[in-house]
């Protein structure tokens, strides 16, 4: 790499609820109080596979980034082979603005995808980068993995 070359980064803007957990997961694990987590191991496994296939970095958009226990959540993700690269800056109820703000201050991003179970009103042009999951249908699934990998593997 030459000194003038800019490192290109691929990013997954990641929500948690409805992506890394789901109604189906909570229903399935409701009686397993000992082993139950707030995050579904099967969704974490799929996310880890996506990261391994694309070398993408995780930028958290989820409101979980505001929780006092977010450091513990990051440690839990790390124990599953998932590193949190960064978080977006909080702009109340404006997830699209949070992502635009992040993109404008990180010019090294070559490709990105938004993984969320919600389409925010301010997404506008960002909607074409959205891979939408469903809180009521299992969150992040194998079918989403294929779509995310395809989008992040574009030629630079």
N, C-alpha and C. Protein backbone atom coordinates (compact mmCIF):
# COMPACT_ATOMS: atom_id res chain seq x y z
N UNK A 1 0.84 -1.18 0.00
CA UNK A 1 0.00 0.00 0.00
C UNK A 1 0.88 1.24 0.00
N UNK A 2 0.56 2.19 -0.84
CA UNK A 2 1.31 3.44 -0.91
C UNK A 2 0.87 4.38 0.21
N UNK A 3 1.71 5.33 0.53
CA UNK A 3 1.41 6.29 1.59
C UNK A 3 0.12 7.06 1.29
N UNK A 4 -0.16 7.32 0.02
CA UNK A 4 -1.34 8.10 -0.36
C UNK A 4 -2.63 7.29 -0.38
N UNK A 5 -2.50 5.96 -0.32
CA UNK A 5 -3.69 5.12 -0.35
C UNK A 5 -4.49 5.26 0.96
N UNK A 6 -5.80 5.31 0.80
CA UNK A 6 -6.67 5.40 1.97
C UNK A 6 -7.21 4.00 2.25
N UNK A 7 -7.15 3.62 3.50
CA UNK A 7 -7.68 2.34 3.92
C UNK A 7 -9.20 2.36 3.71
N UNK A 8 -9.71 1.38 3.00
CA UNK A 8 -11.15 1.30 2.76
C UNK A 8 -11.78 0.40 3.80
N UNK A 9 -12.89 0.86 4.36
CA UNK A 9 -13.57 0.15 5.43
C UNK A 9 -14.99 -0.18 4.99
N UNK A 10 -15.41 -1.40 5.29
CA UNK A 10 -16.79 -1.81 5.07
C UNK A 10 -17.48 -1.80 6.43
N UNK A 11 -18.69 -1.28 6.47
CA UNK A 11 -19.38 -1.09 7.74
C UNK A 11 -20.77 -1.70 7.70
N UNK A 12 -21.13 -2.33 8.81
CA UNK A 12 -22.50 -2.76 9.06
C UNK A 12 -23.05 -1.85 10.15
N UNK A 13 -24.02 -0.99 9.80
CA UNK A 13 -24.72 -0.18 10.79
C UNK A 13 -25.76 -1.10 11.41
N UNK A 14 -25.59 -1.41 12.69
CA UNK A 14 -26.32 -2.51 13.32
C UNK A 14 -27.27 -2.08 14.42
N UNK A 15 -28.52 -2.48 14.26
CA UNK A 15 -29.51 -2.39 15.32
C UNK A 15 -29.45 -3.71 16.08
N UNK A 16 -30.00 -3.77 17.29
CA UNK A 16 -29.99 -5.01 18.07
C UNK A 16 -31.37 -5.65 18.14
N UNK A 17 -32.35 -4.93 18.73
CA UNK A 17 -33.68 -5.50 18.88
C UNK A 17 -34.31 -5.74 17.50
N UNK A 18 -34.74 -6.97 17.28
CA UNK A 18 -35.31 -7.32 15.99
C UNK A 18 -34.27 -7.77 14.98
N UNK A 19 -33.00 -7.68 15.36
CA UNK A 19 -31.91 -8.17 14.52
C UNK A 19 -31.18 -9.28 15.27
N UNK A 20 -30.65 -8.96 16.44
CA UNK A 20 -29.90 -9.94 17.24
C UNK A 20 -30.77 -10.62 18.30
N UNK A 21 -32.03 -10.27 18.31
CA UNK A 21 -33.01 -10.99 19.13
C UNK A 21 -34.36 -10.86 18.42
N UNK A 22 -35.36 -11.57 18.91
CA UNK A 22 -36.67 -11.54 18.26
C UNK A 22 -37.73 -12.07 19.19
N UNK A 23 -38.95 -11.83 18.85
CA UNK A 23 -40.08 -12.36 19.59
C UNK A 23 -40.01 -13.89 19.62
N UNK A 24 -39.66 -14.47 18.49
CA UNK A 24 -39.53 -15.93 18.38
C UNK A 24 -38.47 -16.45 19.34
N UNK A 25 -37.34 -15.76 19.45
CA UNK A 25 -36.26 -16.16 20.36
C UNK A 25 -36.72 -16.07 21.81
N UNK A 26 -37.36 -14.97 22.17
CA UNK A 26 -37.82 -14.81 23.56
C UNK A 26 -38.87 -15.86 23.92
N UNK A 27 -39.74 -16.18 22.97
CA UNK A 27 -40.75 -17.21 23.21
C UNK A 27 -40.09 -18.58 23.39
N UNK A 28 -39.12 -18.88 22.55
CA UNK A 28 -38.44 -20.17 22.57
C UNK A 28 -37.64 -20.37 23.87
N UNK A 29 -37.13 -19.29 24.44
CA UNK A 29 -36.24 -19.40 25.59
C UNK A 29 -36.88 -18.93 26.90
N UNK A 30 -38.16 -18.69 26.90
CA UNK A 30 -38.78 -18.07 28.08
C UNK A 30 -38.66 -18.89 29.36
N UNK A 31 -38.49 -20.19 29.24
CA UNK A 31 -38.39 -21.03 30.44
C UNK A 31 -36.94 -21.36 30.81
N UNK A 32 -36.00 -20.89 30.03
CA UNK A 32 -34.59 -21.16 30.29
C UNK A 32 -33.94 -19.93 30.92
N UNK A 33 -34.28 -19.67 32.16
CA UNK A 33 -33.81 -18.46 32.85
C UNK A 33 -32.29 -18.48 33.08
N UNK A 34 -31.70 -19.65 33.15
CA UNK A 34 -30.27 -19.75 33.45
C UNK A 34 -29.42 -19.41 32.23
N UNK A 35 -29.76 -19.98 31.07
CA UNK A 35 -28.94 -19.81 29.87
C UNK A 35 -29.41 -18.70 28.95
N UNK A 36 -30.56 -18.14 29.21
CA UNK A 36 -31.13 -17.14 28.31
C UNK A 36 -30.35 -15.83 28.37
N UNK A 37 -30.10 -15.29 27.22
CA UNK A 37 -29.43 -14.00 27.07
C UNK A 37 -30.42 -13.04 26.41
N UNK A 38 -30.05 -11.78 26.34
CA UNK A 38 -30.88 -10.83 25.61
C UNK A 38 -30.63 -10.91 24.11
N UNK A 39 -29.58 -11.62 23.74
CA UNK A 39 -29.21 -11.76 22.33
C UNK A 39 -29.22 -13.23 21.94
N UNK A 40 -29.72 -13.50 20.76
CA UNK A 40 -29.89 -14.86 20.26
C UNK A 40 -28.57 -15.38 19.67
N UNK A 41 -28.07 -16.48 20.23
CA UNK A 41 -26.80 -17.05 19.75
C UNK A 41 -26.84 -17.39 18.27
N UNK A 42 -27.98 -17.81 17.74
CA UNK A 42 -28.03 -18.15 16.31
C UNK A 42 -27.88 -16.90 15.45
N UNK A 43 -28.43 -15.78 15.88
CA UNK A 43 -28.24 -14.52 15.14
C UNK A 43 -26.81 -14.03 15.26
N UNK A 44 -26.21 -14.21 16.44
CA UNK A 44 -24.80 -13.82 16.62
C UNK A 44 -23.89 -14.66 15.72
N UNK A 45 -24.21 -15.93 15.58
CA UNK A 45 -23.42 -16.81 14.72
C UNK A 45 -23.49 -16.33 13.26
N UNK A 46 -24.66 -15.96 12.81
CA UNK A 46 -24.82 -15.46 11.44
C UNK A 46 -24.05 -14.16 11.26
N UNK A 47 -24.14 -13.27 12.25
CA UNK A 47 -23.40 -12.01 12.16
C UNK A 47 -21.90 -12.26 12.11
N UNK A 48 -21.40 -13.16 12.93
CA UNK A 48 -19.97 -13.49 12.92
C UNK A 48 -19.56 -14.04 11.54
N UNK A 49 -20.39 -14.87 10.94
CA UNK A 49 -20.11 -15.40 9.60
C UNK A 49 -20.05 -14.27 8.57
N UNK A 50 -20.96 -13.31 8.67
CA UNK A 50 -20.97 -12.16 7.75
C UNK A 50 -19.66 -11.38 7.90
N UNK A 51 -19.27 -11.13 9.13
CA UNK A 51 -18.02 -10.38 9.39
C UNK A 51 -16.83 -11.15 8.82
N UNK A 52 -16.79 -12.45 9.03
CA UNK A 52 -15.69 -13.27 8.53
C UNK A 52 -15.63 -13.26 7.00
N UNK A 53 -16.78 -13.22 6.35
CA UNK A 53 -16.82 -13.25 4.89
C UNK A 53 -16.53 -11.89 4.24
N UNK A 54 -16.76 -10.81 4.98
CA UNK A 54 -16.66 -9.47 4.38
C UNK A 54 -15.61 -8.57 5.00
N UNK A 55 -15.09 -8.93 6.16
CA UNK A 55 -14.18 -8.06 6.93
C UNK A 55 -14.85 -6.74 7.30
N UNK A 56 -16.16 -6.73 7.42
CA UNK A 56 -16.89 -5.52 7.78
C UNK A 56 -16.72 -5.20 9.26
N UNK A 57 -16.81 -3.92 9.56
CA UNK A 57 -16.75 -3.42 10.93
C UNK A 57 -18.17 -3.15 11.42
N UNK A 58 -18.41 -3.39 12.71
CA UNK A 58 -19.73 -3.15 13.30
C UNK A 58 -19.77 -1.75 13.90
N UNK A 59 -20.74 -0.96 13.43
CA UNK A 59 -21.03 0.35 14.01
C UNK A 59 -22.46 0.26 14.55
N UNK A 60 -22.59 0.38 15.85
CA UNK A 60 -23.88 0.19 16.50
C UNK A 60 -24.74 1.44 16.36
N UNK A 61 -25.96 1.23 15.83
CA UNK A 61 -26.96 2.30 15.75
C UNK A 61 -28.04 2.10 16.81
N UNK A 62 -28.10 0.92 17.37
CA UNK A 62 -29.12 0.56 18.35
C UNK A 62 -29.14 1.51 19.54
N UNK A 63 -30.32 1.72 20.10
CA UNK A 63 -30.43 2.52 21.32
C UNK A 63 -29.71 1.87 22.48
N UNK A 64 -29.33 0.60 22.33
CA UNK A 64 -28.56 -0.09 23.38
C UNK A 64 -27.25 0.64 23.67
N UNK A 65 -26.73 1.40 22.71
CA UNK A 65 -25.47 2.12 22.92
C UNK A 65 -25.58 3.13 24.05
N UNK A 66 -26.81 3.49 24.43
CA UNK A 66 -27.04 4.46 25.50
C UNK A 66 -27.18 3.80 26.87
N UNK A 67 -27.25 2.48 26.91
CA UNK A 67 -27.45 1.77 28.17
C UNK A 67 -26.18 1.79 29.02
N UNK A 68 -26.35 1.86 30.32
CA UNK A 68 -25.20 1.81 31.22
C UNK A 68 -24.45 0.50 31.10
N UNK A 69 -25.16 -0.56 30.78
CA UNK A 69 -24.53 -1.88 30.68
C UNK A 69 -23.99 -2.17 29.27
N UNK A 70 -23.89 -1.16 28.43
CA UNK A 70 -23.43 -1.40 27.06
C UNK A 70 -22.02 -2.00 27.02
N UNK A 71 -21.16 -1.64 27.95
CA UNK A 71 -19.83 -2.25 28.00
C UNK A 71 -19.92 -3.76 28.20
N UNK A 72 -20.86 -4.20 29.03
CA UNK A 72 -21.07 -5.63 29.25
C UNK A 72 -21.60 -6.29 27.98
N UNK A 73 -22.46 -5.59 27.26
CA UNK A 73 -22.99 -6.11 26.00
C UNK A 73 -21.84 -6.28 25.00
N UNK A 74 -20.96 -5.28 24.92
CA UNK A 74 -19.81 -5.37 24.02
C UNK A 74 -18.92 -6.56 24.39
N UNK A 75 -18.73 -6.80 25.69
CA UNK A 75 -17.93 -7.96 26.13
C UNK A 75 -18.61 -9.26 25.73
N UNK A 76 -19.93 -9.31 25.85
CA UNK A 76 -20.68 -10.50 25.45
C UNK A 76 -20.52 -10.75 23.95
N UNK A 77 -20.63 -9.70 23.16
CA UNK A 77 -20.43 -9.83 21.71
C UNK A 77 -19.01 -10.31 21.42
N UNK A 78 -18.03 -9.72 22.11
CA UNK A 78 -16.63 -10.11 21.92
C UNK A 78 -16.43 -11.59 22.23
N UNK A 79 -17.12 -12.09 23.25
CA UNK A 79 -17.01 -13.51 23.60
C UNK A 79 -17.58 -14.41 22.51
N UNK A 80 -18.36 -13.81 21.61
CA UNK A 80 -18.91 -14.53 20.45
C UNK A 80 -18.15 -14.18 19.16
N UNK A 81 -16.99 -13.56 19.30
CA UNK A 81 -16.15 -13.25 18.14
C UNK A 81 -16.59 -12.03 17.36
N UNK A 82 -17.37 -11.14 17.99
CA UNK A 82 -17.88 -9.94 17.32
C UNK A 82 -17.36 -8.71 18.06
N UNK A 83 -16.56 -7.91 17.37
CA UNK A 83 -16.03 -6.69 17.97
C UNK A 83 -16.85 -5.49 17.52
N UNK A 84 -17.19 -4.63 18.46
CA UNK A 84 -17.86 -3.37 18.13
C UNK A 84 -16.78 -2.37 17.77
N UNK A 85 -16.81 -1.91 16.55
CA UNK A 85 -15.83 -0.96 16.03
C UNK A 85 -16.13 0.46 16.54
N UNK A 86 -17.44 0.82 16.54
CA UNK A 86 -17.81 2.18 16.90
C UNK A 86 -19.33 2.24 17.10
N UNK A 87 -19.81 3.40 17.49
CA UNK A 87 -21.25 3.67 17.58
C UNK A 87 -21.53 4.99 16.87
N UNK A 88 -22.76 5.13 16.43
CA UNK A 88 -23.16 6.42 15.87
C UNK A 88 -23.45 7.38 17.03
N UNK A 89 -23.37 8.65 16.74
CA UNK A 89 -23.70 9.68 17.73
C UNK A 89 -25.22 9.74 17.85
N UNK A 90 -25.72 9.85 19.07
CA UNK A 90 -27.16 9.86 19.29
C UNK A 90 -27.79 11.16 18.80
N UNK A 91 -28.77 11.02 17.90
CA UNK A 91 -29.60 12.13 17.47
C UNK A 91 -31.03 11.63 17.63
N UNK A 92 -31.74 12.13 18.63
CA UNK A 92 -33.04 11.58 19.03
C UNK A 92 -33.98 11.28 17.87
N UNK A 93 -34.38 10.02 17.80
CA UNK A 93 -35.37 9.54 16.83
C UNK A 93 -35.01 9.84 15.38
N UNK A 94 -33.73 9.96 15.11
CA UNK A 94 -33.25 10.29 13.76
C UNK A 94 -32.14 9.34 13.36
N UNK A 95 -32.45 8.07 13.23
CA UNK A 95 -31.41 7.10 12.92
C UNK A 95 -30.76 7.39 11.56
N UNK A 96 -31.54 7.84 10.61
CA UNK A 96 -30.97 8.21 9.31
C UNK A 96 -29.95 9.33 9.45
N UNK A 97 -30.26 10.33 10.26
CA UNK A 97 -29.32 11.43 10.50
C UNK A 97 -28.07 10.94 11.21
N UNK A 98 -28.24 10.01 12.15
CA UNK A 98 -27.08 9.44 12.84
C UNK A 98 -26.13 8.79 11.84
N UNK A 99 -26.69 8.04 10.90
CA UNK A 99 -25.87 7.34 9.91
C UNK A 99 -25.24 8.33 8.95
N UNK A 100 -25.99 9.32 8.47
CA UNK A 100 -25.43 10.35 7.59
C UNK A 100 -24.29 11.09 8.28
N UNK A 101 -24.49 11.43 9.55
CA UNK A 101 -23.47 12.12 10.34
C UNK A 101 -22.21 11.26 10.42
N UNK A 102 -22.37 9.98 10.66
CA UNK A 102 -21.23 9.07 10.77
C UNK A 102 -20.49 8.98 9.43
N UNK A 103 -21.25 8.82 8.36
CA UNK A 103 -20.64 8.71 7.03
C UNK A 103 -19.88 9.98 6.65
N UNK A 104 -20.42 11.14 7.02
CA UNK A 104 -19.77 12.39 6.64
C UNK A 104 -18.45 12.60 7.37
N UNK A 105 -18.30 11.98 8.54
CA UNK A 105 -17.05 12.16 9.28
C UNK A 105 -16.11 10.95 9.17
N UNK A 106 -16.50 9.97 8.36
CA UNK A 106 -15.66 8.78 8.15
C UNK A 106 -15.57 8.51 6.64
N UNK A 107 -14.71 9.25 6.00
CA UNK A 107 -14.58 9.17 4.54
C UNK A 107 -13.91 7.88 4.06
N UNK A 108 -13.41 7.07 5.00
CA UNK A 108 -12.74 5.83 4.63
C UNK A 108 -13.71 4.68 4.38
N UNK A 109 -15.01 4.92 4.53
CA UNK A 109 -16.00 3.86 4.32
C UNK A 109 -16.25 3.68 2.83
N UNK A 110 -15.98 2.47 2.35
CA UNK A 110 -16.15 2.18 0.92
C UNK A 110 -17.51 1.56 0.63
N UNK A 111 -17.98 0.73 1.52
CA UNK A 111 -19.28 0.06 1.38
C UNK A 111 -19.92 0.03 2.75
N UNK A 112 -21.25 0.09 2.75
CA UNK A 112 -21.95 -0.06 4.03
C UNK A 112 -23.32 -0.64 3.78
N UNK A 113 -23.84 -1.21 4.84
CA UNK A 113 -25.19 -1.75 4.83
C UNK A 113 -25.80 -1.42 6.19
N UNK A 114 -27.10 -1.20 6.19
CA UNK A 114 -27.84 -0.95 7.42
C UNK A 114 -28.66 -2.20 7.71
N UNK A 115 -28.50 -2.76 8.90
CA UNK A 115 -29.28 -3.95 9.27
C UNK A 115 -30.17 -3.54 10.43
N UNK A 116 -31.48 -3.50 10.16
CA UNK A 116 -32.44 -2.99 11.13
C UNK A 116 -33.80 -3.64 10.85
N UNK A 117 -34.63 -3.71 11.88
CA UNK A 117 -35.98 -4.25 11.68
C UNK A 117 -36.98 -3.12 11.47
N UNK A 118 -36.50 -1.91 11.43
CA UNK A 118 -37.37 -0.76 11.29
C UNK A 118 -36.88 0.14 10.16
N UNK A 119 -37.84 0.73 9.44
CA UNK A 119 -37.51 1.73 8.43
C UNK A 119 -37.85 3.07 9.05
N UNK A 120 -36.85 3.85 9.40
CA UNK A 120 -37.07 5.12 10.05
C UNK A 120 -37.51 6.16 9.03
N UNK A 121 -38.39 7.09 9.43
CA UNK A 121 -38.91 8.09 8.49
C UNK A 121 -37.82 8.93 7.83
N UNK A 122 -36.69 9.11 8.48
CA UNK A 122 -35.62 9.95 7.91
C UNK A 122 -34.58 9.14 7.13
N UNK A 123 -34.85 7.87 6.87
CA UNK A 123 -33.90 7.07 6.07
C UNK A 123 -33.78 7.62 4.65
N UNK A 124 -34.89 7.95 4.02
CA UNK A 124 -34.91 8.49 2.67
C UNK A 124 -33.99 7.70 1.74
N UNK A 125 -32.92 8.34 1.23
CA UNK A 125 -32.02 7.69 0.27
C UNK A 125 -31.26 6.51 0.89
N UNK A 126 -31.20 6.44 2.20
CA UNK A 126 -30.50 5.35 2.87
C UNK A 126 -31.26 4.03 2.79
N UNK A 127 -32.54 4.09 2.47
CA UNK A 127 -33.37 2.88 2.42
C UNK A 127 -32.78 1.84 1.47
N UNK A 128 -32.12 2.28 0.41
CA UNK A 128 -31.55 1.32 -0.54
C UNK A 128 -30.38 0.53 0.06
N UNK A 129 -29.86 0.98 1.20
CA UNK A 129 -28.77 0.27 1.88
C UNK A 129 -29.28 -0.62 3.02
N UNK A 130 -30.59 -0.63 3.21
CA UNK A 130 -31.21 -1.35 4.32
C UNK A 130 -31.45 -2.81 3.98
N UNK A 131 -31.01 -3.68 4.87
CA UNK A 131 -31.43 -5.09 4.85
C UNK A 131 -32.33 -5.21 6.07
N UNK A 132 -33.63 -5.37 5.79
CA UNK A 132 -34.63 -5.32 6.85
C UNK A 132 -34.90 -6.70 7.41
N UNK A 133 -34.75 -6.80 8.73
CA UNK A 133 -35.09 -8.03 9.45
C UNK A 133 -36.49 -7.84 10.04
N UNK A 134 -36.96 -8.84 10.78
CA UNK A 134 -38.30 -8.76 11.34
C UNK A 134 -38.29 -9.29 12.78
N UNK A 135 -38.66 -8.45 13.72
CA UNK A 135 -38.69 -8.83 15.14
C UNK A 135 -39.60 -10.04 15.36
N UNK A 136 -40.68 -10.13 14.60
CA UNK A 136 -41.66 -11.20 14.81
C UNK A 136 -41.35 -12.46 14.01
N UNK A 137 -40.33 -12.42 13.19
CA UNK A 137 -39.99 -13.59 12.36
C UNK A 137 -38.54 -14.04 12.53
N UNK A 138 -37.98 -13.88 13.71
CA UNK A 138 -36.68 -14.47 13.98
C UNK A 138 -35.47 -13.57 13.87
N UNK A 139 -35.66 -12.28 13.56
CA UNK A 139 -34.50 -11.39 13.49
C UNK A 139 -33.57 -11.73 12.34
N UNK A 140 -32.26 -11.64 12.57
CA UNK A 140 -31.25 -11.91 11.55
C UNK A 140 -31.22 -13.40 11.23
N UNK A 141 -31.41 -13.72 9.95
CA UNK A 141 -31.48 -15.11 9.51
C UNK A 141 -30.55 -15.34 8.33
N UNK A 142 -30.43 -16.59 7.96
CA UNK A 142 -29.54 -17.00 6.87
C UNK A 142 -29.82 -16.22 5.58
N UNK A 143 -31.08 -16.00 5.27
CA UNK A 143 -31.44 -15.28 4.04
C UNK A 143 -30.89 -13.85 4.05
N UNK A 144 -30.82 -13.24 5.22
CA UNK A 144 -30.26 -11.89 5.33
C UNK A 144 -28.74 -11.93 5.12
N UNK A 145 -28.12 -12.98 5.62
CA UNK A 145 -26.66 -13.13 5.48
C UNK A 145 -26.27 -13.04 4.01
N UNK A 146 -26.96 -13.76 3.17
CA UNK A 146 -26.63 -13.76 1.74
C UNK A 146 -26.74 -12.36 1.14
N UNK A 147 -27.79 -11.65 1.50
CA UNK A 147 -28.00 -10.30 0.98
C UNK A 147 -26.92 -9.34 1.48
N UNK A 148 -26.61 -9.40 2.75
CA UNK A 148 -25.60 -8.51 3.34
C UNK A 148 -24.23 -8.77 2.72
N UNK A 149 -23.86 -10.03 2.62
CA UNK A 149 -22.55 -10.38 2.05
C UNK A 149 -22.47 -9.90 0.60
N UNK A 150 -23.52 -10.10 -0.15
CA UNK A 150 -23.54 -9.67 -1.56
C UNK A 150 -23.33 -8.15 -1.66
N UNK A 151 -23.98 -7.41 -0.80
CA UNK A 151 -23.86 -5.94 -0.84
C UNK A 151 -22.47 -5.46 -0.41
N UNK A 152 -21.86 -6.13 0.55
CA UNK A 152 -20.56 -5.68 1.05
C UNK A 152 -19.38 -6.18 0.24
N UNK A 153 -19.61 -7.11 -0.64
CA UNK A 153 -18.51 -7.65 -1.43
C UNK A 153 -18.37 -6.97 -2.78
N UNK A 154 -18.99 -5.83 -2.95
CA UNK A 154 -18.85 -5.06 -4.19
C UNK A 154 -17.38 -4.77 -4.42
N UNK A 155 -17.00 -4.70 -5.67
CA UNK A 155 -15.61 -4.35 -5.99
C UNK A 155 -15.36 -2.90 -5.61
N UNK A 156 -14.20 -2.65 -5.06
CA UNK A 156 -13.85 -1.29 -4.64
C UNK A 156 -13.41 -0.46 -5.84
